[in-house]
Amino acid sequence: MSRKHYRAIAEALAAVAMPDASRAELVRVLSDLFKSDNPNFNRQIFATACGIDPRGPDPDAERKAAQRARRATASSLQVA
């Protein structure tokens, strides 16, 4: 896989509304897979692109997840 694939996956994960703990676990599992595929893969950059704060949990996580969900819904309505 290449950088464009990792970016596309990160953008998709960032757009999905889910609890931060679930997002972090999914990002961790995918990062393990991607690192085994590409030794130059950077886990921290990927996590940040997926909406995971490397400094720890965000106290406003639920509010931000709801905002992402509203934006995703609004953009899907505009495309149709």
PDB file of N, CA and C in Angstrom:
ATOM      1  N   MET A   1       0.844  -1.181   0.000  1.00  0.00           N
ATOM      2  CA  MET A   1       0.000   0.000   0.000  1.00  0.00           C
ATOM      3  C   MET A   1       0.883   1.235   0.000  1.00  0.00           C
ATOM      4  N   SER A   2       0.306   2.327  -0.457  1.00  0.00           N
ATOM      5  CA  SER A   2       1.077   3.560  -0.530  1.00  0.00           C
ATOM      6  C   SER A   2       0.464   4.637   0.365  1.00  0.00           C
ATOM      7  N   ARG A   3       1.142   5.759   0.431  1.00  0.00           N
ATOM      8  CA  ARG A   3       0.694   6.873   1.263  1.00  0.00           C
ATOM      9  C   ARG A   3      -0.728   7.301   0.924  1.00  0.00           C
ATOM     10  N   LYS A   4      -1.084   7.295  -0.362  1.00  0.00           N
ATOM     11  CA  LYS A   4      -2.434   7.727  -0.742  1.00  0.00           C
ATOM     12  C   LYS A   4      -3.487   6.778  -0.175  1.00  0.00           C
ATOM     13  N   HIS A   5      -3.157   5.495  -0.065  1.00  0.00           N
ATOM     14  CA  HIS A   5      -4.094   4.540   0.529  1.00  0.00           C
ATOM     15  C   HIS A   5      -4.259   4.800   2.024  1.00  0.00           C
ATOM     16  N   TYR A   6      -3.136   5.021   2.716  1.00  0.00           N
ATOM     17  CA  TYR A   6      -3.195   5.303   4.148  1.00  0.00           C
ATOM     18  C   TYR A   6      -3.979   6.588   4.406  1.00  0.00           C
ATOM     19  N   ARG A   7      -3.761   7.593   3.575  1.00  0.00           N
ATOM     20  CA  ARG A   7      -4.500   8.856   3.741  1.00  0.00           C
ATOM     21  C   ARG A   7      -5.994   8.667   3.532  1.00  0.00           C
ATOM     22  N   ALA A   8      -6.375   7.921   2.515  1.00  0.00           N
ATOM     23  CA  ALA A   8      -7.793   7.688   2.238  1.00  0.00           C
ATOM     24  C   ALA A   8      -8.453   6.951   3.401  1.00  0.00           C
ATOM     25  N   ILE A   9      -7.758   5.966   3.951  1.00  0.00           N
ATOM     26  CA  ILE A   9      -8.299   5.210   5.089  1.00  0.00           C
ATOM     27  C   ILE A   9      -8.417   6.119   6.305  1.00  0.00           C
ATOM     28  N   ALA A  10      -7.411   6.944   6.551  1.00  0.00           N
ATOM     29  CA  ALA A  10      -7.446   7.866   7.693  1.00  0.00           C
ATOM     30  C   ALA A  10      -8.594   8.859   7.552  1.00  0.00           C
ATOM     31  N   GLU A  11      -8.809   9.395   6.359  1.00  0.00           N
ATOM     32  CA  GLU A  11      -9.913  10.331   6.138  1.00  0.00           C
ATOM     33  C   GLU A  11     -11.257   9.655   6.386  1.00  0.00           C
ATOM     34  N   ALA A  12     -11.386   8.421   5.944  1.00  0.00           N
ATOM     35  CA  ALA A  12     -12.643   7.688   6.156  1.00  0.00           C
ATOM     36  C   ALA A  12     -12.872   7.442   7.647  1.00  0.00           C
ATOM     37  N   LEU A  13     -11.837   7.032   8.365  1.00  0.00           N
ATOM     38  CA  LEU A  13     -11.986   6.789   9.799  1.00  0.00           C
ATOM     39  C   LEU A  13     -12.296   8.066  10.561  1.00  0.00           C
ATOM     40  N   ALA A  14     -11.690   9.170  10.155  1.00  0.00           N
ATOM     41  CA  ALA A  14     -11.943  10.446  10.824  1.00  0.00           C
ATOM     42  C   ALA A  14     -13.384  10.899  10.619  1.00  0.00           C
ATOM     43  N   ALA A  15     -13.998  10.513   9.507  1.00  0.00           N
ATOM     44  CA  ALA A  15     -15.359  10.949   9.191  1.00  0.00           C
ATOM     45  C   ALA A  15     -16.434  10.108   9.874  1.00  0.00           C
ATOM     46  N   VAL A  16     -16.064   8.938  10.368  1.00  0.00           N
ATOM     47  CA  VAL A  16     -17.044   8.037  10.980  1.00  0.00           C
ATOM     48  C   VAL A  16     -17.243   8.415  12.445  1.00  0.00           C
ATOM     49  N   ALA A  17     -18.495   8.541  12.850  1.00  0.00           N
ATOM     50  CA  ALA A  17     -18.796   8.832  14.250  1.00  0.00           C
ATOM     51  C   ALA A  17     -18.709   7.539  15.051  1.00  0.00           C
ATOM     52  N   MET A  18     -17.802   7.522  16.021  1.00  0.00           N
ATOM     53  CA  MET A  18     -17.657   6.363  16.912  1.00  0.00           C
ATOM     54  C   MET A  18     -16.966   6.834  18.179  1.00  0.00           C
ATOM     55  N   PRO A  19     -17.137   6.108  19.258  1.00  0.00           N
ATOM     56  CA  PRO A  19     -16.452   6.488  20.501  1.00  0.00           C
ATOM     57  C   PRO A  19     -14.936   6.494  20.296  1.00  0.00           C
ATOM     58  N   ASP A  20     -14.263   7.403  20.978  1.00  0.00           N
ATOM     59  CA  ASP A  20     -12.811   7.518  20.823  1.00  0.00           C
ATOM     60  C   ASP A  20     -12.081   6.223  21.169  1.00  0.00           C
ATOM     61  N   ALA A  21     -12.572   5.496  22.171  1.00  0.00           N
ATOM     62  CA  ALA A  21     -11.900   4.244  22.544  1.00  0.00           C
ATOM     63  C   ALA A  21     -11.969   3.234  21.393  1.00  0.00           C
ATOM     64  N   SER A  22     -13.101   3.175  20.731  1.00  0.00           N
ATOM     65  CA  SER A  22     -13.243   2.265  19.587  1.00  0.00           C
ATOM     66  C   SER A  22     -12.363   2.707  18.435  1.00  0.00           C
ATOM     67  N   ARG A  23     -12.347   4.014  18.173  1.00  0.00           N
ATOM     68  CA  ARG A  23     -11.512   4.557  17.103  1.00  0.00           C
ATOM     69  C   ARG A  23     -10.042   4.262  17.390  1.00  0.00           C
ATOM     70  N   ALA A  24      -9.620   4.476  18.632  1.00  0.00           N
ATOM     71  CA  ALA A  24      -8.220   4.249  19.001  1.00  0.00           C
ATOM     72  C   ALA A  24      -7.843   2.780  18.823  1.00  0.00           C
ATOM     73  N   GLU A  25      -8.729   1.874  19.211  1.00  0.00           N
ATOM     74  CA  GLU A  25      -8.445   0.445  19.061  1.00  0.00           C
ATOM     75  C   GLU A  25      -8.356   0.062  17.589  1.00  0.00           C
ATOM     76  N   LEU A  26      -9.275   0.566  16.774  1.00  0.00           N
ATOM     77  CA  LEU A  26      -9.247   0.278  15.341  1.00  0.00           C
ATOM     78  C   LEU A  26      -7.976   0.831  14.706  1.00  0.00           C
ATOM     79  N   VAL A  27      -7.610   2.041  15.075  1.00  0.00           N
ATOM     80  CA  VAL A  27      -6.385   2.652  14.546  1.00  0.00           C
ATOM     81  C   VAL A  27      -5.161   1.846  14.974  1.00  0.00           C
ATOM     82  N   ARG A  28      -5.162   1.353  16.212  1.00  0.00           N
ATOM     83  CA  ARG A  28      -4.031   0.542  16.688  1.00  0.00           C
ATOM     84  C   ARG A  28      -3.900  -0.739  15.876  1.00  0.00           C
ATOM     85  N   VAL A  29      -5.019  -1.421  15.652  1.00  0.00           N
ATOM     86  CA  VAL A  29      -4.991  -2.677  14.900  1.00  0.00           C
ATOM     87  C   VAL A  29      -4.553  -2.434  13.452  1.00  0.00           C
ATOM     88  N   LEU A  30      -5.121  -1.404  12.828  1.00  0.00           N
ATOM     89  CA  LEU A  30      -4.729  -1.086  11.453  1.00  0.00           C
ATOM     90  C   LEU A  30      -3.268  -0.663  11.373  1.00  0.00           C
ATOM     91  N   SER A  31      -2.806   0.086  12.364  1.00  0.00           N
ATOM     92  CA  SER A  31      -1.406   0.520  12.373  1.00  0.00           C
ATOM     93  C   SER A  31      -0.455  -0.669  12.434  1.00  0.00           C
ATOM     94  N   ASP A  32      -0.808  -1.669  13.229  1.00  0.00           N
ATOM     95  CA  ASP A  32       0.024  -2.883  13.287  1.00  0.00           C
ATOM     96  C   ASP A  32       0.097  -3.541  11.907  1.00  0.00           C
ATOM     97  N   LEU A  33      -1.050  -3.648  11.259  1.00  0.00           N
ATOM     98  CA  LEU A  33      -1.109  -4.249   9.926  1.00  0.00           C
ATOM     99  C   LEU A  33      -0.296  -3.435   8.914  1.00  0.00           C
ATOM    100  N   PHE A  34      -0.486  -2.122   8.925  1.00  0.00           N
ATOM    101  CA  PHE A  34       0.201  -1.258   7.964  1.00  0.00           C
ATOM    102  C   PHE A  34       1.708  -1.247   8.197  1.00  0.00           C
ATOM    103  N   LYS A  35       2.122  -1.275   9.465  1.00  0.00           N
ATOM    104  CA  LYS A  35       3.551  -1.284   9.782  1.00  0.00           C
ATOM    105  C   LYS A  35       4.196  -2.579   9.292  1.00  0.00           C
ATOM    106  N   SER A  36       3.463  -3.697   9.374  1.00  0.00           N
ATOM    107  CA  SER A  36       4.026  -4.957   8.880  1.00  0.00           C
ATOM    108  C   SER A  36       4.130  -4.949   7.356  1.00  0.00           C
ATOM    109  N   ASP A  37       3.255  -4.189   6.710  1.00  0.00           N
ATOM    110  CA  ASP A  37       3.272  -4.071   5.253  1.00  0.00           C
ATOM    111  C   ASP A  37       4.339  -3.086   4.776  1.00  0.00           C
ATOM    112  N   ASN A  38       4.539  -2.010   5.553  1.00  0.00           N
ATOM    113  CA  ASN A  38       5.443  -0.942   5.137  1.00  0.00           C
ATOM    114  C   ASN A  38       6.260  -0.478   6.344  1.00  0.00           C
ATOM    115  N   PRO A  39       7.546  -0.793   6.402  1.00  0.00           N
ATOM    116  CA  PRO A  39       8.364  -0.411   7.556  1.00  0.00           C
ATOM    117  C   PRO A  39       8.481   1.101   7.748  1.00  0.00           C
ATOM    118  N   ASN A  40       8.187   1.886   6.719  1.00  0.00           N
ATOM    119  CA  ASN A  40       8.245   3.347   6.837  1.00  0.00           C
ATOM    120  C   ASN A  40       6.933   3.960   7.328  1.00  0.00           C
ATOM    121  N   PHE A  41       5.929   3.122   7.561  1.00  0.00           N
ATOM    122  CA  PHE A  41       4.637   3.618   8.028  1.00  0.00           C
ATOM    123  C   PHE A  41       4.804   4.289   9.392  1.00  0.00           C
ATOM    124  N   ASN A  42       4.209   5.482   9.541  1.00  0.00           N
ATOM    125  CA  ASN A  42       4.317   6.243  10.786  1.00  0.00           C
ATOM    126  C   ASN A  42       2.990   6.178  11.529  1.00  0.00           C
ATOM    127  N   ARG A  43       2.984   5.458  12.638  1.00  0.00           N
ATOM    128  CA  ARG A  43       1.761   5.262  13.419  1.00  0.00           C
ATOM    129  C   ARG A  43       1.191   6.568  13.961  1.00  0.00           C
ATOM    130  N   GLN A  44       2.051   7.456  14.436  1.00  0.00           N
ATOM    131  CA  GLN A  44       1.583   8.706  15.039  1.00  0.00           C
ATOM    132  C   GLN A  44       0.912   9.604  14.009  1.00  0.00           C
ATOM    133  N   ILE A  45       1.492   9.718  12.838  1.00  0.00           N
ATOM    134  CA  ILE A  45       0.887  10.530  11.783  1.00  0.00           C
ATOM    135  C   ILE A  45      -0.469   9.955  11.388  1.00  0.00           C
ATOM    136  N   PHE A  46      -0.537   8.627  11.278  1.00  0.00           N
ATOM    137  CA  PHE A  46      -1.794   7.981  10.912  1.00  0.00           C
ATOM    138  C   PHE A  46      -2.855   8.205  11.990  1.00  0.00           C
ATOM    139  N   ALA A  47      -2.480   8.029  13.253  1.00  0.00           N
ATOM    140  CA  ALA A  47      -3.432   8.223  14.346  1.00  0.00           C
ATOM    141  C   ALA A  47      -3.966   9.654  14.361  1.00  0.00           C
ATOM    142  N   THR A  48      -3.090  10.609  14.187  1.00  0.00           N
ATOM    143  CA  THR A  48      -3.518  12.009  14.160  1.00  0.00           C
ATOM    144  C   THR A  48      -4.460  12.261  12.992  1.00  0.00           C
ATOM    145  N   ALA A  49      -4.151  11.711  11.830  1.00  0.00           N
ATOM    146  CA  ALA A  49      -5.007  11.881  10.651  1.00  0.00           C
ATOM    147  C   ALA A  49      -6.370  11.221  10.839  1.00  0.00           C
ATOM    148  N   CYS A  50      -6.429  10.190  11.683  1.00  0.00           N
ATOM    149  CA  CYS A  50      -7.691   9.488  11.956  1.00  0.00           C
ATOM    150  C   CYS A  50      -8.522  10.190  13.026  1.00  0.00           C
ATOM    151  N   GLY A  51      -7.981  11.244  13.607  1.00  0.00           N
ATOM    152  CA  GLY A  51      -8.716  11.969  14.638  1.00  0.00           C
ATOM    153  C   GLY A  51      -8.391  11.536  16.050  1.00  0.00           C
ATOM    154  N   ILE A  52      -7.290  10.807  16.217  1.00  0.00           N
ATOM    155  CA  ILE A  52      -6.853  10.380  17.548  1.00  0.00           C
ATOM    156  C   ILE A  52      -5.793  11.358  18.029  1.00  0.00           C
ATOM    157  N   ASP A  53      -6.004  11.916  19.210  1.00  0.00           N
ATOM    158  CA  ASP A  53      -5.039  12.846  19.785  1.00  0.00           C
ATOM    159  C   ASP A  53      -3.941  12.047  20.477  1.00  0.00           C
ATOM    160  N   PRO A  54      -2.692  12.159  20.021  1.00  0.00           N
ATOM    161  CA  PRO A  54      -1.612  11.377  20.634  1.00  0.00           C
ATOM    162  C   PRO A  54      -1.339  11.782  22.085  1.00  0.00           C
ATOM    163  N   ARG A  55      -1.898  12.916  22.536  1.00  0.00           N
ATOM    164  CA  ARG A  55      -1.693  13.353  23.923  1.00  0.00           C
ATOM    165  C   ARG A  55      -2.647  12.679  24.890  1.00  0.00           C
ATOM    166  N   GLY A  56      -3.646  11.960  24.387  1.00  0.00           N
ATOM    167  CA  GLY A  56      -4.572  11.272  25.281  1.00  0.00           C
ATOM    168  C   GLY A  56      -6.018  11.565  24.930  1.00  0.00           C
ATOM    169  N   PRO A  57      -6.938  11.077  25.756  1.00  0.00           N
ATOM    170  CA  PRO A  57      -8.365  11.243  25.466  1.00  0.00           C
ATOM    171  C   PRO A  57      -8.793  12.702  25.481  1.00  0.00           C
ATOM    172  N   ASP A  58      -9.748  13.004  24.645  1.00  0.00           N
ATOM    173  CA  ASP A  58     -10.286  14.354  24.531  1.00  0.00           C
ATOM    174  C   ASP A  58     -11.573  14.430  25.342  1.00  0.00           C
ATOM    175  N   PRO A  59     -11.679  15.381  26.269  1.00  0.00           N
ATOM    176  CA  PRO A  59     -12.900  15.477  27.066  1.00  0.00           C
ATOM    177  C   PRO A  59     -14.135  15.851  26.240  1.00  0.00           C
ATOM    178  N   ASP A  60     -13.930  16.410  25.057  1.00  0.00           N
ATOM    179  CA  ASP A  60     -15.047  16.788  24.184  1.00  0.00           C
ATOM    180  C   ASP A  60     -15.262  15.770  23.068  1.00  0.00           C
ATOM    181  N   ALA A  61     -14.810  14.557  23.260  1.00  0.00           N
ATOM    182  CA  ALA A  61     -14.837  13.553  22.200  1.00  0.00           C
ATOM    183  C   ALA A  61     -16.242  13.264  21.690  1.00  0.00           C
ATOM    184  N   GLU A  62     -17.192  13.121  22.587  1.00  0.00           N
ATOM    185  CA  GLU A  62     -18.554  12.789  22.151  1.00  0.00           C
ATOM    186  C   GLU A  62     -19.151  13.916  21.319  1.00  0.00           C
ATOM    187  N   ARG A  63     -18.926  15.159  21.733  1.00  0.00           N
ATOM    188  CA  ARG A  63     -19.435  16.309  20.976  1.00  0.00           C
ATOM    189  C   ARG A  63     -18.812  16.360  19.591  1.00  0.00           C
ATOM    190  N   LYS A  64     -17.516  16.112  19.505  1.00  0.00           N
ATOM    191  CA  LYS A  64     -16.833  16.135  18.211  1.00  0.00           C
ATOM    192  C   LYS A  64     -17.302  14.993  17.311  1.00  0.00           C
ATOM    193  N   ALA A  65     -17.556  13.828  17.889  1.00  0.00           N
ATOM    194  CA  ALA A  65     -18.049  12.695  17.105  1.00  0.00           C
ATOM    195  C   ALA A  65     -19.418  13.027  16.520  1.00  0.00           C
ATOM    196  N   ALA A  66     -20.260  13.680  17.306  1.00  0.00           N
ATOM    197  CA  ALA A  66     -21.582  14.077  16.810  1.00  0.00           C
ATOM    198  C   ALA A  66     -21.447  15.104  15.693  1.00  0.00           C
ATOM    199  N   GLN A  67     -20.505  16.025  15.822  1.00  0.00           N
ATOM    200  CA  GLN A  67     -20.278  17.016  14.766  1.00  0.00           C
ATOM    201  C   GLN A  67     -19.792  16.335  13.485  1.00  0.00           C
ATOM    202  N   ARG A  68     -18.887  15.364  13.613  1.00  0.00           N
ATOM    203  CA  ARG A  68     -18.406  14.639  12.429  1.00  0.00           C
ATOM    204  C   ARG A  68     -19.554  13.911  11.742  1.00  0.00           C
ATOM    205  N   ALA A  69     -20.424  13.318  12.548  1.00  0.00           N
ATOM    206  CA  ALA A  69     -21.564  12.597  11.974  1.00  0.00           C
ATOM    207  C   ALA A  69     -22.496  13.555  11.239  1.00  0.00           C
ATOM    208  N   ARG A  70     -22.740  14.720  11.813  1.00  0.00           N
ATOM    209  CA  ARG A  70     -23.603  15.711  11.145  1.00  0.00           C
ATOM    210  C   ARG A  70     -22.971  16.190   9.843  1.00  0.00           C
ATOM    211  N   ARG A  71     -21.664  16.431   9.857  1.00  0.00           N
ATOM    212  CA  ARG A  71     -20.982  16.872   8.629  1.00  0.00           C
ATOM    213  C   ARG A  71     -21.036  15.791   7.557  1.00  0.00           C
ATOM    214  N   ALA A  72     -20.828  14.540   7.956  1.00  0.00           N
ATOM    215  CA  ALA A  72     -20.858  13.435   6.997  1.00  0.00           C
ATOM    216  C   ALA A  72     -22.253  13.312   6.386  1.00  0.00           C
ATOM    217  N   THR A  73     -23.274  13.463   7.213  1.00  0.00           N
ATOM    218  CA  THR A  73     -24.656  13.396   6.712  1.00  0.00           C
ATOM    219  C   THR A  73     -24.935  14.554   5.774  1.00  0.00           C
ATOM    220  N   ALA A  74     -24.494  15.751   6.167  1.00  0.00           N
ATOM    221  CA  ALA A  74     -24.738  16.929   5.334  1.00  0.00           C
ATOM    222  C   ALA A  74     -24.025  16.815   3.992  1.00  0.00           C
ATOM    223  N   SER A  75     -22.804  16.324   3.984  1.00  0.00           N
ATOM    224  CA  SER A  75     -22.082  16.212   2.713  1.00  0.00           C
ATOM    225  C   SER A  75     -22.672  15.111   1.848  1.00  0.00           C
ATOM    226  N   SER A  76     -23.200  14.054   2.442  1.00  0.00           N
ATOM    227  CA  SER A  76     -23.828  13.009   1.625  1.00  0.00           C
ATOM    228  C   SER A  76     -25.127  13.509   1.032  1.00  0.00           C
ATOM    229  N   LEU A  77     -25.814  14.398   1.719  1.00  0.00           N
ATOM    230  CA  LEU A  77     -27.052  14.970   1.172  1.00  0.00           C
ATOM    231  C   LEU A  77     -26.750  15.942   0.030  1.00  0.00           C
ATOM    232  N   GLN A  78     -25.613  16.636   0.103  1.00  0.00           N
ATOM    233  CA  GLN A  78     -25.252  17.588  -0.942  1.00  0.00           C
ATOM    234  C   GLN A  78     -24.843  16.859  -2.217  1.00  0.00           C
ATOM    235  N   VAL A  79     -24.256  15.704  -2.098  1.00  0.00           N
ATOM    236  CA  VAL A  79     -23.797  14.954  -3.262  1.00  0.00           C
ATOM    237  C   VAL A  79     -24.980  14.380  -4.030  1.00  0.00           C
ATOM    238  N   ALA A  80     -26.001  13.979  -3.314  1.00  0.00           N
ATOM    239  CA  ALA A  80     -27.162  13.326  -3.937  1.00  0.00           C
ATOM    240  C   ALA A  80     -27.982  14.255  -4.768  1.00  0.00           C
TER     241      ALA A  80
END
